[in-house]
Each structure stands twice: as C-alpha cells, then as structure tokens.
Amino acid sequence: MKRKLLNFFLSIIPAAAFLIMEYAVTIIAIIAYLIFSMSLKGVGIDAAIDKITEILNDTDASTGIMIIYELFILVAYGYWHYKVTDRYEHRAVARNINWLSLVSVLFLSVGMSIVMDYITTIEDMINPVWYEVFEDMMESAGMANDMTLMALLYACIIAPVAEELIFRGLVLHYAKKAFPLWIAVIYQAVLFGAFHMNMFQGIYAFFAGLFLGFVAYYGGNIMWSVILHMLYNTVQSFPVLGFLDHSWDNIFYFMVTLAGGVLLCIVTIYWYVKGIDLKNTENKLFDEIMAGNNTGIA
C-alpha cells in the first residue's frame, strides 16, 4: 500500500515539475534581463519592462523560448525516463515496429482528428468563452491561422516528444504501479488534459490522452504514442479536415462523418493491435531460436 501511494505521488511530479520549471525559468529570465539592462546598459526600469513586454508579445520570440525550454525537457526527462523504465522501453525505435501498425497509427490520427473536431465543436456550443481563451493563447504562441516554420517545428515534432516523455513515459509508468491499468490510462489522460491549463484544450486533450495512453501501453514503447501525437498535431495544423465545417449544416452529413471517424478509430486500433501481436510473436520465436542456438540445442 505504501509503495502504491509513493508511486501515486511520483506520478504527479513529472507534469507538476514541468509547469513549475516553466514559470520559474520565465521569471528568472525576466529578472536577469532587468538586472543586465539596468546595471550594465544603464537602461531605466520602465524601458527595460517595455522591452520585456515587447519580447513576450512577439510570437517568434515566444515560440523560440518554448523550443529552447522543450529541448531542455527532452534531455532532462529523457534521462529520467531512461533511468526508471525497463530496457525494452529505452529503444528509440520499438522492436515490434511493422508496416501494419505504422499504417494503422497513421489512419488512427485522422480518425482521432475527426472525432476531436466534433468534441471541440460541442465544447464551443456549450461555452464559447472556452474557445476564445484557447484562441488567444494560440495567437500569442504564434500557432493560429498561418503558422510559422518554427511554430510547426514546435507543434508537430518537439512538443509531442516532450509531452509523451512526461505523460505516457513517466506519468503512466508510475500510475501503472499505483492503479489497475485501465485507471492508470484514464488518470494520465486527466493529468494530460489539466496540464494544458484551459478548459477548451483540456477536454479534448483528455480524450486524445486516452488514445495515446492505450497506444503507448499496448506497443510497450512511447515511440508509438510519439508517432501518433506527431501525426495528430500535423493533421490539426493543416486544413485537411475542412470538409467537417459543413457537417453541422446537414444532419445526414453530420451522422455519416461522425460515424466514419468513430469507425476509422475502431478499425485502426484493431489492426494496430493485430500488427503489434504479430510482431511480438515473431520476436518471441526469433528469441527462442537464438537462445536454442546459444545453448547448443540442434
């Protein structure tokens, strides 16, 4: 019981530490800039504060700061993940990778995007303020409408890897030791939603976290959830699902596209599981043959 309680508290630390460090680094950077500007450059405090405000309001600068911070997280959390997880989870490329599961994950990202589009639309109908807050956050981060190359790099590559290290790598690792598996998957999805710090993004991030948690668990390596997360963010970053904008105008179109998205998720998860099971069986057979050869068994 004590060990489970310890693992529960340990499961909170990765996300909490990330947020605390994020604000701490920002505050330290601001204080350092004020001291540098006022003592070495002789700039007045009002001018220094104006310059800081200008930097923080610059989307390219904000994105650049996020990228630098996320790269630090990749190193620190990557080392943490390496130290606490099993050896088969350390591989950058999972041993059970195959084309069937890869293609399944690709199409699962599309199915997820369709389902999430309906969820976010319902959220907007329930409370439009949620979306307004989210939109302001995206605009300040340079991730609304025409995204810059740096913003795409952050959203489609760097952020997915960092977030998977935190939630499907560390949070789920500790949560599995504190709860039954199905509760652990739901729990990490709840933390993943809360991590986004706004209601609109938090709700659909929770549902996305369920998909990501299952894929990471069943694949036995966060490589799978990293790929899914990257693909999902890429689909969301480009207007490839613009046809969904008209689904609310026609009840038949609405039902067909929603059912299509749900069915696509179900089918691709099924084939993802089949692909993983097939490759795991092949790996087990190969290991048995190699073990027999090493012991001199003919």
C-alpha atoms as a PDB file:
ATOM      1  CA  MET A   1       0.000   0.000   0.000  1.00  0.00           C
ATOM      2  CA  LYS A   2       2.827   2.392   0.893  1.00  0.00           C
ATOM      3  CA  ARG A   3       4.578   1.639  -2.399  1.00  0.00           C
ATOM      4  CA  LYS A   4       1.373   2.343  -4.357  1.00  0.00           C
ATOM      5  CA  LEU A   5       0.911   5.627  -2.516  1.00  0.00           C
ATOM      6  CA  LEU A   6       4.527   6.556  -3.276  1.00  0.00           C
ATOM      7  CA  ASN A   7       4.058   5.789  -6.968  1.00  0.00           C
ATOM      8  CA  PHE A   8       0.879   7.884  -6.991  1.00  0.00           C
ATOM      9  CA  PHE A   9       2.799  10.915  -5.720  1.00  0.00           C
ATOM     10  CA  LEU A  10       5.658  10.189  -8.118  1.00  0.00           C
ATOM     11  CA  SER A  11       3.147  10.166 -10.995  1.00  0.00           C
ATOM     12  CA  ILE A  12       2.214  13.777 -10.227  1.00  0.00           C
ATOM     13  CA  ILE A  13       5.783  15.089 -10.150  1.00  0.00           C
ATOM     14  CA  PRO A  14       6.658  14.996 -13.910  1.00  0.00           C
ATOM     15  CA  ALA A  15       3.799  17.278 -15.018  1.00  0.00           C
ATOM     16  CA  ALA A  16       3.935  19.485 -11.902  1.00  0.00           C
ATOM     17  CA  ALA A  17       7.720  19.902 -12.193  1.00  0.00           C
ATOM     18  CA  PHE A  18       7.377  20.844 -15.863  1.00  0.00           C
ATOM     19  CA  LEU A  19       4.887  23.630 -15.095  1.00  0.00           C
ATOM     20  CA  ILE A  20       6.827  24.903 -12.091  1.00  0.00           C
ATOM     21  CA  MET A  21      10.093  24.977 -14.052  1.00  0.00           C
ATOM     22  CA  GLU A  22       8.397  26.692 -16.981  1.00  0.00           C
ATOM     23  CA  TYR A  23       7.214  29.597 -14.829  1.00  0.00           C
ATOM     24  CA  ALA A  24      10.451  29.637 -12.817  1.00  0.00           C
ATOM     25  CA  VAL A  25      12.620  29.848 -15.935  1.00  0.00           C
ATOM     26  CA  THR A  26      10.459  32.671 -17.329  1.00  0.00           C
ATOM     27  CA  ILE A  27      10.630  34.655 -14.093  1.00  0.00           C
ATOM     28  CA  ILE A  28      14.388  34.116 -13.717  1.00  0.00           C
ATOM     29  CA  ALA A  29      14.957  35.169 -17.332  1.00  0.00           C
ATOM     30  CA  ILE A  30      12.933  38.366 -16.793  1.00  0.00           C
ATOM     31  CA  ILE A  31      14.805  39.236 -13.580  1.00  0.00           C
ATOM     32  CA  ALA A  32      18.161  38.501 -15.237  1.00  0.00           C
ATOM     33  CA  TYR A  33      17.281  40.730 -18.191  1.00  0.00           C
ATOM     34  CA  LEU A  34      16.202  43.557 -15.863  1.00  0.00           C
ATOM     35  CA  ILE A  35      19.455  43.349 -13.890  1.00  0.00           C
ATOM     36  CA  PHE A  36      21.549  43.167 -17.064  1.00  0.00           C
ATOM     37  CA  SER A  37      19.754  46.082 -18.723  1.00  0.00           C
ATOM     38  CA  MET A  38      19.778  48.341 -15.667  1.00  0.00           C
ATOM     39  CA  SER A  39      23.281  47.636 -14.346  1.00  0.00           C
ATOM     40  CA  LEU A  40      25.333  47.035 -17.467  1.00  0.00           C
ATOM     41  CA  LYS A  41      23.468  49.007 -20.103  1.00  0.00           C
ATOM     42  CA  GLY A  42      22.188  51.775 -17.861  1.00  0.00           C
ATOM     43  CA  VAL A  43      18.632  51.318 -19.114  1.00  0.00           C
ATOM     44  CA  GLY A  44      15.823  52.586 -16.886  1.00  0.00           C
ATOM     45  CA  ILE A  45      13.396  50.128 -15.346  1.00  0.00           C
ATOM     46  CA  ASP A  46      10.456  51.415 -17.425  1.00  0.00           C
ATOM     47  CA  ALA A  47      12.380  50.961 -20.661  1.00  0.00           C
ATOM     48  CA  ALA A  48      13.566  47.504 -19.582  1.00  0.00           C
ATOM     49  CA  ILE A  49       9.997  46.434 -18.713  1.00  0.00           C
ATOM     50  CA  ASP A  50       8.733  47.769 -22.051  1.00  0.00           C
ATOM     51  CA  LYS A  51      11.396  45.720 -23.850  1.00  0.00           C
ATOM     52  CA  ILE A  52      10.444  42.572 -21.914  1.00  0.00           C
ATOM     53  CA  THR A  53       6.772  43.145 -22.781  1.00  0.00           C
ATOM     54  CA  GLU A  54       7.719  43.587 -26.435  1.00  0.00           C
ATOM     55  CA  ILE A  55       9.667  40.287 -26.421  1.00  0.00           C
ATOM     56  CA  LEU A  56       6.868  38.380 -24.679  1.00  0.00           C
ATOM     57  CA  ASN A  57       4.318  39.718 -27.189  1.00  0.00           C
ATOM     58  CA  ASP A  58       6.476  38.713 -30.150  1.00  0.00           C
ATOM     59  CA  THR A  59       5.177  35.348 -31.386  1.00  0.00           C
ATOM     60  CA  ASP A  60       8.501  34.281 -32.926  1.00  0.00           C
ATOM     61  CA  ALA A  61      10.312  35.085 -29.692  1.00  0.00           C
ATOM     62  CA  SER A  62       7.706  33.217 -27.620  1.00  0.00           C
ATOM     63  CA  THR A  63       7.960  30.182 -29.896  1.00  0.00           C
ATOM     64  CA  GLY A  64      11.749  30.308 -29.747  1.00  0.00           C
ATOM     65  CA  ILE A  65      11.671  30.391 -25.942  1.00  0.00           C
ATOM     66  CA  MET A  66       9.283  27.417 -25.870  1.00  0.00           C
ATOM     67  CA  ILE A  67      11.523  25.435 -28.229  1.00  0.00           C
ATOM     68  CA  ILE A  68      14.615  26.072 -26.105  1.00  0.00           C
ATOM     69  CA  TYR A  69      12.773  25.098 -22.939  1.00  0.00           C
ATOM     70  CA  GLU A  70      11.304  21.954 -24.531  1.00  0.00           C
ATOM     71  CA  LEU A  71      14.762  20.879 -25.707  1.00  0.00           C
ATOM     72  CA  PHE A  72      15.944  21.103 -22.110  1.00  0.00           C
ATOM     73  CA  ILE A  73      12.937  18.971 -21.102  1.00  0.00           C
ATOM     74  CA  LEU A  74      13.823  16.385 -23.739  1.00  0.00           C
ATOM     75  CA  VAL A  75      17.279  15.968 -22.226  1.00  0.00           C
ATOM     76  CA  ALA A  76      16.233  16.037 -18.557  1.00  0.00           C
ATOM     77  CA  TYR A  77      13.087  13.932 -18.868  1.00  0.00           C
ATOM     78  CA  GLY A  78      14.695  11.633 -21.404  1.00  0.00           C
ATOM     79  CA  TYR A  79      17.376  10.790 -18.844  1.00  0.00           C
ATOM     80  CA  TRP A  80      14.709  10.352 -16.141  1.00  0.00           C
ATOM     81  CA  HIS A  81      12.719   8.028 -18.392  1.00  0.00           C
ATOM     82  CA  TYR A  82      15.857   6.029 -19.213  1.00  0.00           C
ATOM     83  CA  LYS A  83      16.702   5.543 -15.544  1.00  0.00           C
ATOM     84  CA  VAL A  84      13.292   4.344 -14.316  1.00  0.00           C
ATOM     85  CA  THR A  85      11.831   2.338 -17.206  1.00  0.00           C
ATOM     86  CA  ASP A  86      12.587  -1.161 -18.439  1.00  0.00           C
ATOM     87  CA  ARG A  87      15.204  -1.840 -21.089  1.00  0.00           C
ATOM     88  CA  TYR A  88      12.736  -2.544 -23.918  1.00  0.00           C
ATOM     89  CA  GLU A  89      11.237   0.921 -23.366  1.00  0.00           C
ATOM     90  CA  HIS A  90      14.604   2.623 -23.962  1.00  0.00           C
ATOM     91  CA  ARG A  91      14.707   1.854 -27.670  1.00  0.00           C
ATOM     92  CA  ALA A  92      14.160   4.910 -29.874  1.00  0.00           C
ATOM     93  CA  VAL A  93      12.677   2.520 -32.455  1.00  0.00           C
ATOM     94  CA  ALA A  94      10.451  -0.124 -30.881  1.00  0.00           C
ATOM     95  CA  ARG A  95      11.408  -3.714 -31.616  1.00  0.00           C
ATOM     96  CA  ASN A  96       7.806  -4.554 -32.526  1.00  0.00           C
ATOM     97  CA  ILE A  97       7.586  -1.960 -35.285  1.00  0.00           C
ATOM     98  CA  ASN A  98       5.993  -3.125 -38.540  1.00  0.00           C
ATOM     99  CA  TRP A  99       4.158  -1.647 -41.503  1.00  0.00           C
ATOM    100  CA  LEU A 100       0.723  -2.806 -40.386  1.00  0.00           C
ATOM    101  CA  SER A 101       0.896  -0.962 -37.071  1.00  0.00           C
ATOM    102  CA  LEU A 102       2.576   2.083 -38.636  1.00  0.00           C
ATOM    103  CA  VAL A 103      -0.154   2.469 -41.252  1.00  0.00           C
ATOM    104  CA  SER A 104      -2.795   1.861 -38.581  1.00  0.00           C
ATOM    105  CA  VAL A 105      -1.369   4.672 -36.441  1.00  0.00           C
ATOM    106  CA  LEU A 106      -1.319   6.968 -39.476  1.00  0.00           C
ATOM    107  CA  PHE A 107      -5.023   6.462 -40.152  1.00  0.00           C
ATOM    108  CA  LEU A 108      -5.831   6.487 -36.439  1.00  0.00           C
ATOM    109  CA  SER A 109      -4.513  10.062 -36.313  1.00  0.00           C
ATOM    110  CA  VAL A 110      -7.061  11.010 -38.982  1.00  0.00           C
ATOM    111  CA  GLY A 111      -9.892   9.238 -37.150  1.00  0.00           C
ATOM    112  CA  MET A 112      -8.866  10.938 -33.907  1.00  0.00           C
ATOM    113  CA  SER A 113      -8.823  14.315 -35.627  1.00  0.00           C
ATOM    114  CA  ILE A 114     -12.374  13.815 -36.928  1.00  0.00           C
ATOM    115  CA  VAL A 115     -13.680  12.766 -33.509  1.00  0.00           C
ATOM    116  CA  MET A 116     -11.833  15.614 -31.763  1.00  0.00           C
ATOM    117  CA  ASP A 117     -13.285  18.107 -34.242  1.00  0.00           C
ATOM    118  CA  TYR A 118     -16.781  17.115 -33.113  1.00  0.00           C
ATOM    119  CA  ILE A 119     -15.776  17.271 -29.455  1.00  0.00           C
ATOM    120  CA  THR A 120     -14.314  20.771 -29.817  1.00  0.00           C
ATOM    121  CA  THR A 121     -17.379  21.959 -31.747  1.00  0.00           C
ATOM    122  CA  ILE A 122     -19.636  20.710 -28.951  1.00  0.00           C
ATOM    123  CA  GLU A 123     -17.377  22.466 -26.420  1.00  0.00           C
ATOM    124  CA  ASP A 124     -17.730  25.716 -28.354  1.00  0.00           C
ATOM    125  CA  MET A 125     -21.520  25.329 -28.358  1.00  0.00           C
ATOM    126  CA  ILE A 126     -21.572  24.694 -24.595  1.00  0.00           C
ATOM    127  CA  ASN A 127     -19.360  27.650 -23.706  1.00  0.00           C
ATOM    128  CA  PRO A 128     -17.895  29.900 -26.453  1.00  0.00           C
ATOM    129  CA  VAL A 129     -15.671  31.623 -23.868  1.00  0.00           C
ATOM    130  CA  TRP A 130     -13.590  28.451 -23.560  1.00  0.00           C
ATOM    131  CA  TYR A 131     -12.669  28.684 -27.229  1.00  0.00           C
ATOM    132  CA  GLU A 132     -11.953  32.425 -27.018  1.00  0.00           C
ATOM    133  CA  VAL A 133      -9.445  31.832 -24.208  1.00  0.00           C
ATOM    134  CA  PHE A 134      -7.844  28.999 -26.170  1.00  0.00           C
ATOM    135  CA  GLU A 135      -7.684  31.082 -29.355  1.00  0.00           C
ATOM    136  CA  ASP A 136      -5.961  33.956 -27.531  1.00  0.00           C
ATOM    137  CA  MET A 137      -3.375  31.514 -26.175  1.00  0.00           C
ATOM    138  CA  MET A 138      -2.705  30.087 -29.642  1.00  0.00           C
ATOM    139  CA  GLU A 139      -2.376  33.546 -31.192  1.00  0.00           C
ATOM    140  CA  SER A 140       0.123  34.675 -28.542  1.00  0.00           C
ATOM    141  CA  ALA A 141       2.136  31.498 -29.173  1.00  0.00           C
ATOM    142  CA  GLY A 142       2.092  32.042 -32.941  1.00  0.00           C
ATOM    143  CA  MET A 143       0.037  28.908 -33.587  1.00  0.00           C
ATOM    144  CA  ALA A 144      -3.155  30.330 -35.021  1.00  0.00           C
ATOM    145  CA  ASN A 145      -4.025  30.581 -38.712  1.00  0.00           C
ATOM    146  CA  ASP A 146      -0.765  30.767 -40.731  1.00  0.00           C
ATOM    147  CA  MET A 147       1.784  29.041 -38.528  1.00  0.00           C
ATOM    148  CA  THR A 148       5.453  29.877 -38.929  1.00  0.00           C
ATOM    149  CA  LEU A 149       8.046  27.202 -39.612  1.00  0.00           C
ATOM    150  CA  MET A 150       9.236  27.468 -36.000  1.00  0.00           C
ATOM    151  CA  ALA A 151       5.693  27.045 -34.694  1.00  0.00           C
ATOM    152  CA  LEU A 152       5.194  23.953 -36.887  1.00  0.00           C
ATOM    153  CA  LEU A 153       8.508  22.533 -35.669  1.00  0.00           C
ATOM    154  CA  TYR A 154       7.376  23.036 -32.098  1.00  0.00           C
ATOM    155  CA  ALA A 155       3.805  21.753 -32.521  1.00  0.00           C
ATOM    156  CA  CYS A 156       4.478  18.768 -34.778  1.00  0.00           C
ATOM    157  CA  ILE A 157       7.835  17.464 -33.537  1.00  0.00           C
ATOM    158  CA  ILE A 158       9.268  18.909 -30.325  1.00  0.00           C
ATOM    159  CA  ALA A 159       6.128  19.270 -28.177  1.00  0.00           C
ATOM    160  CA  PRO A 160       4.798  15.744 -28.968  1.00  0.00           C
ATOM    161  CA  VAL A 161       8.092  14.129 -27.942  1.00  0.00           C
ATOM    162  CA  ALA A 162       8.313  16.163 -24.715  1.00  0.00           C
ATOM    163  CA  GLU A 163       4.676  15.568 -23.761  1.00  0.00           C
ATOM    164  CA  GLU A 164       4.926  11.837 -24.454  1.00  0.00           C
ATOM    165  CA  LEU A 165       8.027  11.591 -22.279  1.00  0.00           C
ATOM    166  CA  ILE A 166       6.110  13.295 -19.474  1.00  0.00           C
ATOM    167  CA  PHE A 167       2.708  11.600 -19.669  1.00  0.00           C
ATOM    168  CA  ARG A 168       2.967   8.267 -21.474  1.00  0.00           C
ATOM    169  CA  GLY A 169       6.594   7.838 -20.435  1.00  0.00           C
ATOM    170  CA  LEU A 170       6.769   8.872 -16.776  1.00  0.00           C
ATOM    171  CA  VAL A 171       3.234   9.543 -15.513  1.00  0.00           C
ATOM    172  CA  LEU A 172       1.874   6.287 -16.961  1.00  0.00           C
ATOM    173  CA  HIS A 173       4.958   4.396 -15.740  1.00  0.00           C
ATOM    174  CA  TYR A 174       4.298   5.360 -12.134  1.00  0.00           C
ATOM    175  CA  ALA A 175       0.491   5.250 -12.451  1.00  0.00           C
ATOM    176  CA  LYS A 176       0.570   1.596 -13.578  1.00  0.00           C
ATOM    177  CA  LYS A 177       2.263   0.780 -10.271  1.00  0.00           C
ATOM    178  CA  ALA A 178      -0.344   2.671  -8.254  1.00  0.00           C
ATOM    179  CA  PHE A 179      -3.601   1.740 -10.038  1.00  0.00           C
ATOM    180  CA  PRO A 180      -5.121  -1.006 -12.166  1.00  0.00           C
ATOM    181  CA  LEU A 181      -4.155  -0.496 -15.812  1.00  0.00           C
ATOM    182  CA  TRP A 182      -7.464   0.971 -17.022  1.00  0.00           C
ATOM    183  CA  ILE A 183      -7.487   3.501 -14.169  1.00  0.00           C
ATOM    184  CA  ALA A 184      -3.846   4.387 -14.879  1.00  0.00           C
ATOM    185  CA  VAL A 185      -4.666   5.134 -18.541  1.00  0.00           C
ATOM    186  CA  ILE A 186      -7.629   7.331 -17.550  1.00  0.00           C
ATOM    187  CA  TYR A 187      -5.586   9.019 -14.812  1.00  0.00           C
ATOM    188  CA  GLN A 188      -2.741  10.022 -17.120  1.00  0.00           C
ATOM    189  CA  ALA A 189      -5.310  11.355 -19.611  1.00  0.00           C
ATOM    190  CA  VAL A 190      -6.869  13.501 -16.859  1.00  0.00           C
ATOM    191  CA  LEU A 191      -3.460  14.928 -15.961  1.00  0.00           C
ATOM    192  CA  PHE A 192      -2.720  15.477 -19.653  1.00  0.00           C
ATOM    193  CA  GLY A 193      -5.914  17.495 -20.002  1.00  0.00           C
ATOM    194  CA  ALA A 194      -5.278  19.513 -16.829  1.00  0.00           C
ATOM    195  CA  PHE A 195      -1.706  20.155 -17.996  1.00  0.00           C
ATOM    196  CA  HIS A 196      -2.983  22.357 -20.837  1.00  0.00           C
ATOM    197  CA  MET A 197      -4.330  24.876 -18.286  1.00  0.00           C
ATOM    198  CA  ASN A 198      -7.531  25.802 -20.144  1.00  0.00           C
ATOM    199  CA  MET A 199     -10.921  24.122 -20.282  1.00  0.00           C
ATOM    200  CA  PHE A 200     -11.306  24.007 -24.076  1.00  0.00           C
ATOM    201  CA  GLN A 201      -7.987  22.323 -24.770  1.00  0.00           C
ATOM    202  CA  GLY A 202      -8.136  20.293 -21.565  1.00  0.00           C
ATOM    203  CA  ILE A 203     -11.331  18.431 -22.513  1.00  0.00           C
ATOM    204  CA  TYR A 204     -10.235  17.275 -25.953  1.00  0.00           C
ATOM    205  CA  ALA A 205      -6.689  16.627 -24.673  1.00  0.00           C
ATOM    206  CA  PHE A 206      -8.219  14.213 -22.159  1.00  0.00           C
ATOM    207  CA  PHE A 207      -9.844  12.194 -24.946  1.00  0.00           C
ATOM    208  CA  ALA A 208      -6.676  12.345 -27.034  1.00  0.00           C
ATOM    209  CA  GLY A 209      -4.748  11.170 -23.968  1.00  0.00           C
ATOM    210  CA  LEU A 210      -6.887   8.022 -23.820  1.00  0.00           C
ATOM    211  CA  PHE A 211      -5.861   7.090 -27.367  1.00  0.00           C
ATOM    212  CA  LEU A 212      -2.221   7.966 -26.741  1.00  0.00           C
ATOM    213  CA  GLY A 213      -2.150   6.075 -23.445  1.00  0.00           C
ATOM    214  CA  PHE A 214      -3.550   2.897 -24.995  1.00  0.00           C
ATOM    215  CA  VAL A 215      -1.187   3.030 -27.971  1.00  0.00           C
ATOM    216  CA  ALA A 216       1.851   3.559 -25.726  1.00  0.00           C
ATOM    217  CA  TYR A 217       0.835   0.790 -23.328  1.00  0.00           C
ATOM    218  CA  TYR A 218      -0.002  -1.828 -25.936  1.00  0.00           C
ATOM    219  CA  GLY A 219       3.045  -1.038 -28.034  1.00  0.00           C
ATOM    220  CA  GLY A 220       5.260  -1.236 -24.952  1.00  0.00           C
ATOM    221  CA  ASN A 221       7.187   1.840 -26.040  1.00  0.00           C
ATOM    222  CA  ILE A 222       6.344   5.557 -26.191  1.00  0.00           C
ATOM    223  CA  MET A 223       7.650   5.590 -29.757  1.00  0.00           C
ATOM    224  CA  TRP A 224       4.124   4.594 -30.776  1.00  0.00           C
ATOM    225  CA  SER A 225       2.395   7.424 -28.907  1.00  0.00           C
ATOM    226  CA  VAL A 226       5.062   9.883 -30.112  1.00  0.00           C
ATOM    227  CA  ILE A 227       4.308   8.946 -33.739  1.00  0.00           C
ATOM    228  CA  LEU A 228       0.548   9.177 -33.158  1.00  0.00           C
ATOM    229  CA  HIS A 229       0.920  12.521 -31.349  1.00  0.00           C
ATOM    230  CA  MET A 230       3.109  13.947 -34.142  1.00  0.00           C
ATOM    231  CA  LEU A 231       0.704  12.800 -36.841  1.00  0.00           C
ATOM    232  CA  TYR A 232      -2.332  14.104 -34.938  1.00  0.00           C
ATOM    233  CA  ASN A 233      -0.760  17.537 -34.391  1.00  0.00           C
ATOM    234  CA  THR A 234       0.288  17.655 -38.051  1.00  0.00           C
ATOM    235  CA  VAL A 235      -3.243  16.873 -39.235  1.00  0.00           C
ATOM    236  CA  GLN A 236      -4.565  19.557 -36.868  1.00  0.00           C
ATOM    237  CA  SER A 237      -2.002  22.112 -38.107  1.00  0.00           C
ATOM    238  CA  PHE A 238      -3.097  21.914 -41.740  1.00  0.00           C
ATOM    239  CA  PRO A 239      -6.628  22.460 -43.152  1.00  0.00           C
ATOM    240  CA  VAL A 240      -7.030  18.854 -44.309  1.00  0.00           C
ATOM    241  CA  LEU A 241     -10.337  18.392 -42.474  1.00  0.00           C
ATOM    242  CA  GLY A 242     -12.063  21.493 -43.800  1.00  0.00           C
ATOM    243  CA  PHE A 243     -14.938  19.356 -45.100  1.00  0.00           C
ATOM    244  CA  LEU A 244     -16.062  18.893 -41.489  1.00  0.00           C
ATOM    245  CA  ASP A 245     -17.045  22.572 -41.289  1.00  0.00           C
ATOM    246  CA  HIS A 246     -20.216  21.794 -43.238  1.00  0.00           C
ATOM    247  CA  SER A 247     -21.212  18.724 -41.242  1.00  0.00           C
ATOM    248  CA  TRP A 248     -23.331  20.761 -38.831  1.00  0.00           C
ATOM    249  CA  ASP A 249     -25.463  22.092 -41.670  1.00  0.00           C
ATOM    250  CA  ASN A 250     -26.916  18.698 -42.576  1.00  0.00           C
ATOM    251  CA  ILE A 251     -27.933  16.015 -40.087  1.00  0.00           C
ATOM    252  CA  PHE A 252     -27.190  13.189 -42.554  1.00  0.00           C
ATOM    253  CA  TYR A 253     -23.728  14.555 -43.335  1.00  0.00           C
ATOM    254  CA  PHE A 254     -23.185  15.046 -39.605  1.00  0.00           C
ATOM    255  CA  MET A 255     -24.030  11.437 -38.756  1.00  0.00           C
ATOM    256  CA  VAL A 256     -22.047   9.971 -41.657  1.00  0.00           C
ATOM    257  CA  THR A 257     -18.837  11.889 -40.915  1.00  0.00           C
ATOM    258  CA  LEU A 258     -19.058  11.291 -37.159  1.00  0.00           C
ATOM    259  CA  ALA A 259     -19.761   7.582 -37.650  1.00  0.00           C
ATOM    260  CA  GLY A 260     -16.941   7.442 -40.190  1.00  0.00           C
ATOM    261  CA  GLY A 261     -14.494   8.965 -37.728  1.00  0.00           C
ATOM    262  CA  VAL A 262     -15.502   6.612 -34.914  1.00  0.00           C
ATOM    263  CA  LEU A 263     -15.411   3.589 -37.222  1.00  0.00           C
ATOM    264  CA  LEU A 264     -11.982   4.601 -38.512  1.00  0.00           C
ATOM    265  CA  CYS A 265     -10.684   4.768 -34.925  1.00  0.00           C
ATOM    266  CA  ILE A 266     -12.105   1.336 -34.089  1.00  0.00           C
ATOM    267  CA  VAL A 267     -10.763  -0.340 -37.236  1.00  0.00           C
ATOM    268  CA  THR A 268      -7.297   1.204 -36.986  1.00  0.00           C
ATOM    269  CA  ILE A 269      -6.964   0.300 -33.290  1.00  0.00           C
ATOM    270  CA  TYR A 270      -7.927  -3.273 -34.166  1.00  0.00           C
ATOM    271  CA  TRP A 271      -5.263  -3.510 -36.882  1.00  0.00           C
ATOM    272  CA  TYR A 272      -2.721  -1.741 -34.676  1.00  0.00           C
ATOM    273  CA  VAL A 273      -3.239  -4.437 -32.013  1.00  0.00           C
ATOM    274  CA  LYS A 274      -3.038  -7.184 -34.655  1.00  0.00           C
ATOM    275  CA  GLY A 275       0.196  -5.745 -36.006  1.00  0.00           C
ATOM    276  CA  ILE A 276       1.790  -5.473 -32.558  1.00  0.00           C
ATOM    277  CA  ASP A 277       0.720  -9.001 -31.618  1.00  0.00           C
ATOM    278  CA  LEU A 278       2.067 -10.387 -34.895  1.00  0.00           C
ATOM    279  CA  LYS A 279       5.454  -8.723 -34.490  1.00  0.00           C
ATOM    280  CA  ASN A 280       5.717  -9.676 -30.813  1.00  0.00           C
ATOM    281  CA  THR A 281       5.059 -13.318 -31.744  1.00  0.00           C
ATOM    282  CA  GLU A 282       7.748 -13.162 -34.430  1.00  0.00           C
ATOM    283  CA  ASN A 283      10.207 -11.612 -31.965  1.00  0.00           C
ATOM    284  CA  LYS A 284       9.454 -14.256 -29.340  1.00  0.00           C
ATOM    285  CA  LEU A 285      10.011 -17.060 -31.839  1.00  0.00           C
ATOM    286  CA  PHE A 286      13.271 -15.478 -33.010  1.00  0.00           C
ATOM    287  CA  ASP A 287      14.484 -15.096 -29.416  1.00  0.00           C
ATOM    288  CA  GLU A 288      13.683 -18.748 -28.682  1.00  0.00           C
ATOM    289  CA  ILE A 289      15.597 -19.890 -31.768  1.00  0.00           C
ATOM    290  CA  MET A 290      18.593 -17.718 -30.866  1.00  0.00           C
ATOM    291  CA  ALA A 291      18.511 -18.933 -27.251  1.00  0.00           C
ATOM    292  CA  GLY A 292      18.493 -22.528 -28.519  1.00  0.00           C
ATOM    293  CA  ASN A 293      21.475 -21.866 -30.759  1.00  0.00           C
ATOM    294  CA  ASN A 294      23.385 -20.228 -27.926  1.00  0.00           C
ATOM    295  CA  THR A 295      22.899 -23.290 -25.689  1.00  0.00           C
ATOM    296  CA  GLY A 296      23.943 -25.695 -28.393  1.00  0.00           C
ATOM    297  CA  ILE A 297      20.486 -27.136 -28.999  1.00  0.00           C
ATOM    298  CA  ALA A 298      20.233 -28.549 -32.506  1.00  0.00           C
END
